[in-house]
N, C-alpha and C. Protein backbone atom coordinates (compact mmCIF):
# COMPACT_ATOMS: atom_id res chain seq x y z
N MET A 1 7.74 148.47 20.33
CA MET A 1 7.02 148.58 21.08
C MET A 1 6.20 148.55 22.05
N LYS A 2 6.22 148.18 23.07
CA LYS A 2 5.90 146.59 24.34
C LYS A 2 4.44 148.66 24.25
N THR A 3 3.27 148.06 24.83
CA THR A 3 1.68 148.88 24.16
C THR A 3 1.48 148.13 26.06
N ARG A 4 1.82 146.85 26.24
CA ARG A 4 0.19 146.62 27.77
C ARG A 4 1.49 146.11 28.81
N GLU A 5 2.17 146.85 30.27
CA GLU A 5 3.08 145.80 30.78
C GLU A 5 2.46 144.74 31.45
N GLU A 6 3.05 143.46 31.16
CA GLU A 6 2.78 141.84 32.41
C GLU A 6 2.61 142.53 33.13
N PRO A 7 1.58 141.75 33.84
CA PRO A 7 1.90 142.24 35.22
C PRO A 7 2.64 140.62 35.57
N GLN A 8 3.37 141.52 37.19
CA GLN A 8 4.60 140.59 37.49
C GLN A 8 4.10 139.96 38.81
N PRO A 9 4.18 138.59 38.99
CA PRO A 9 4.27 137.58 39.03
C PRO A 9 3.65 137.12 41.12
N GLY A 10 3.05 136.81 40.82
CA GLY A 10 2.17 137.75 41.96
C GLY A 10 1.23 138.32 42.69
N ALA A 11 1.32 139.77 41.03
CA ALA A 11 0.38 141.01 41.23
C ALA A 11 -0.93 140.90 41.04
N TYR A 12 -2.29 141.60 41.80
CA TYR A 12 -2.92 140.90 42.80
C TYR A 12 -3.37 142.36 41.63
N THR A 13 -4.87 142.03 40.95
CA THR A 13 -5.45 142.55 40.64
C THR A 13 -6.77 142.85 41.49
N TRP A 14 -7.66 144.56 41.19
CA TRP A 14 -8.82 144.23 42.83
C TRP A 14 -10.07 143.48 41.97
N ASN A 15 -10.45 142.81 42.49
CA ASN A 15 -11.78 142.50 41.96
C ASN A 15 -13.45 142.99 43.49
N PRO A 16 -14.30 144.11 43.21
CA PRO A 16 -14.80 143.63 44.08
C PRO A 16 -15.71 142.16 45.18
N ARG A 17 -16.57 141.42 44.25
CA ARG A 17 -16.50 139.77 43.43
C ARG A 17 -15.36 139.21 44.92
N LYS A 18 -14.17 139.33 44.21
CA LYS A 18 -13.53 138.16 45.22
C LYS A 18 -12.87 139.30 46.46
N GLU A 19 -13.25 140.60 46.83
CA GLU A 19 -13.39 140.98 48.10
C GLU A 19 -14.40 140.40 49.27
N ILE A 20 -15.63 140.48 47.98
CA ILE A 20 -17.08 139.72 48.73
C ILE A 20 -17.04 138.60 49.99
N GLU A 21 -16.20 137.86 48.69
CA GLU A 21 -16.00 136.39 48.78
C GLU A 21 -14.82 135.69 49.92
N TYR A 22 -14.14 137.01 50.20
CA TYR A 22 -12.35 137.33 51.17
C TYR A 22 -14.02 137.63 52.72
N ILE A 23 -14.54 138.79 52.76
CA ILE A 23 -14.91 139.11 53.89
C ILE A 23 -16.86 138.09 53.92
N LYS A 24 -16.49 137.21 52.93
CA LYS A 24 -17.45 136.76 54.41
C LYS A 24 -16.84 135.23 54.56
N LYS A 25 -16.59 134.51 53.89
CA LYS A 25 -15.63 134.04 54.68
C LYS A 25 -14.60 134.44 55.97
N ALA A 26 -14.31 135.69 56.18
CA ALA A 26 -13.70 135.85 56.91
C ALA A 26 -15.28 136.01 58.70
N LEU A 27 -16.37 136.83 58.26
CA LEU A 27 -17.44 136.12 59.30
C LEU A 27 -18.23 135.13 59.67
N LYS A 28 -18.10 134.28 58.19
CA LYS A 28 -18.18 133.10 59.04
C LYS A 28 -16.56 132.57 60.48
N GLN A 29 -16.11 132.82 60.02
CA GLN A 29 -15.81 133.48 61.42
C GLN A 29 -15.34 134.11 62.60
N ASP A 30 -16.45 134.38 63.95
CA ASP A 30 -16.69 135.38 63.35
C ASP A 30 -15.74 135.85 65.21
N HIS A 31 -15.87 134.52 65.54
CA HIS A 31 -15.25 134.58 66.59
C HIS A 31 -13.74 135.02 66.88
N LEU A 32 -13.42 135.34 65.65
CA LEU A 32 -11.81 136.07 65.14
C LEU A 32 -12.02 137.50 65.85
N TYR A 33 -12.88 138.13 65.88
CA TYR A 33 -12.91 139.46 64.74
C TYR A 33 -13.58 140.23 66.58
N THR A 34 -13.67 141.19 66.61
CA THR A 34 -14.13 141.69 67.68
C THR A 34 -15.73 142.02 67.65
N ASP A 35 -16.81 143.58 67.90
CA ASP A 35 -17.25 143.78 67.63
C ASP A 35 -18.07 145.20 66.52
N ASP A 36 -16.14 145.64 66.71
CA ASP A 36 -16.49 146.29 65.57
C ASP A 36 -16.16 145.95 64.66
N GLU A 37 -14.58 145.44 64.60
CA GLU A 37 -14.35 144.52 63.07
C GLU A 37 -15.12 143.67 62.82
N ILE A 38 -16.30 143.01 63.01
CA ILE A 38 -17.41 142.64 63.09
C ILE A 38 -18.44 143.88 61.67
N ARG A 39 -18.57 144.51 62.51
CA ARG A 39 -19.52 146.48 62.19
C ARG A 39 -18.96 146.38 60.98
N HIS A 40 -17.32 146.45 60.91
CA HIS A 40 -16.57 147.01 59.70
C HIS A 40 -16.87 146.18 58.79
N LEU A 41 -16.28 145.13 58.31
CA LEU A 41 -17.06 143.99 57.66
C LEU A 41 -17.90 144.04 57.03
N LYS A 42 -19.31 144.32 57.50
CA LYS A 42 -20.65 144.43 56.96
C LYS A 42 -20.90 145.35 56.09
N SER A 43 -20.37 146.34 57.56
CA SER A 43 -20.33 147.56 56.74
C SER A 43 -19.70 147.70 54.58
N ARG A 44 -18.79 146.75 54.78
CA ARG A 44 -17.70 146.46 53.96
C ARG A 44 -18.30 145.40 52.89
N LEU A 45 -18.60 144.92 53.31
CA LEU A 45 -19.86 144.52 52.60
C LEU A 45 -21.32 144.50 52.18
N ARG A 46 -21.50 145.57 52.37
CA ARG A 46 -22.78 146.09 51.51
C ARG A 46 -22.39 146.38 50.77
N ASP A 47 -21.55 148.14 51.14
CA ASP A 47 -20.68 148.12 49.98
C ASP A 47 -19.84 148.62 48.86
N MET A 48 -18.91 146.76 48.63
CA MET A 48 -18.63 146.18 47.79
C MET A 48 -20.32 145.78 47.16
N TYR A 49 -21.39 145.35 46.92
CA TYR A 49 -22.49 144.58 47.29
C TYR A 49 -22.82 145.90 45.97
N ILE A 50 -22.95 147.70 46.13
CA ILE A 50 -23.22 147.65 45.66
C ILE A 50 -21.86 148.74 44.39
N VAL A 51 -20.82 148.21 44.59
CA VAL A 51 -19.73 148.42 43.77
C VAL A 51 -19.98 147.20 42.44
N ASN A 52 -20.15 146.52 42.81
CA ASN A 52 -20.47 145.04 42.06
C ASN A 52 -21.72 145.88 41.17
N LYS A 53 -22.63 145.65 41.53
CA LYS A 53 -23.93 145.93 40.92
C LYS A 53 -23.50 147.23 39.60
N GLN A 54 -22.62 148.33 40.53
CA GLN A 54 -22.82 149.65 39.22
C GLN A 54 -22.01 149.43 38.14
N MET A 55 -20.10 147.96 38.43
CA MET A 55 -19.65 147.66 37.83
C MET A 55 -20.49 146.94 36.68
N LYS A 56 -21.22 146.18 36.86
CA LYS A 56 -21.58 145.33 36.23
C LYS A 56 -23.00 146.25 35.53
N ARG A 57 -23.28 147.44 35.50
CA ARG A 57 -24.04 147.91 34.97
C ARG A 57 -23.52 148.05 33.17
N GLY A 58 -22.28 147.62 32.44
CA GLY A 58 -21.63 148.21 31.68
C GLY A 58 -21.75 150.01 30.14
N PRO A 59 -20.92 149.39 29.46
CA PRO A 59 -21.35 151.75 29.34
C PRO A 59 -22.07 152.79 29.95
N GLY A 60 -21.81 153.15 29.64
CA GLY A 60 -22.88 153.97 30.24
C GLY A 60 -23.33 155.58 29.68
N PHE A 61 -22.78 155.26 28.20
CA PHE A 61 -22.74 156.01 27.29
C PHE A 61 -24.51 156.41 26.42
N GLY A 62 -24.97 157.08 26.30
CA GLY A 62 -26.79 156.44 25.73
C GLY A 62 -27.38 155.62 26.32
N ARG A 63 -27.15 155.45 28.04
CA ARG A 63 -27.47 154.80 28.56
C ARG A 63 -28.99 155.95 29.82
N ALA A 64 -29.84 155.21 30.37
CA ALA A 64 -30.09 155.68 30.40
C ALA A 64 -30.60 155.13 31.76
N SER A 65 -30.29 155.85 33.32
CA SER A 65 -30.05 155.00 34.51
C SER A 65 -31.15 155.21 35.21
């Protein structure tokens, strides 16, 4: 009996740290984007920092925040 599926070749698991890296790379090439797109990227970057921080908090059982 198989308990865990093996990922398909080329399958991608989402990671906020990787997304932060990709957004920063995109923002360095700001000449490729409109002002609205840059605003959206910066907003997404702020959100990803928050998500990344929350994911690093560890297990939430019995902890005071």
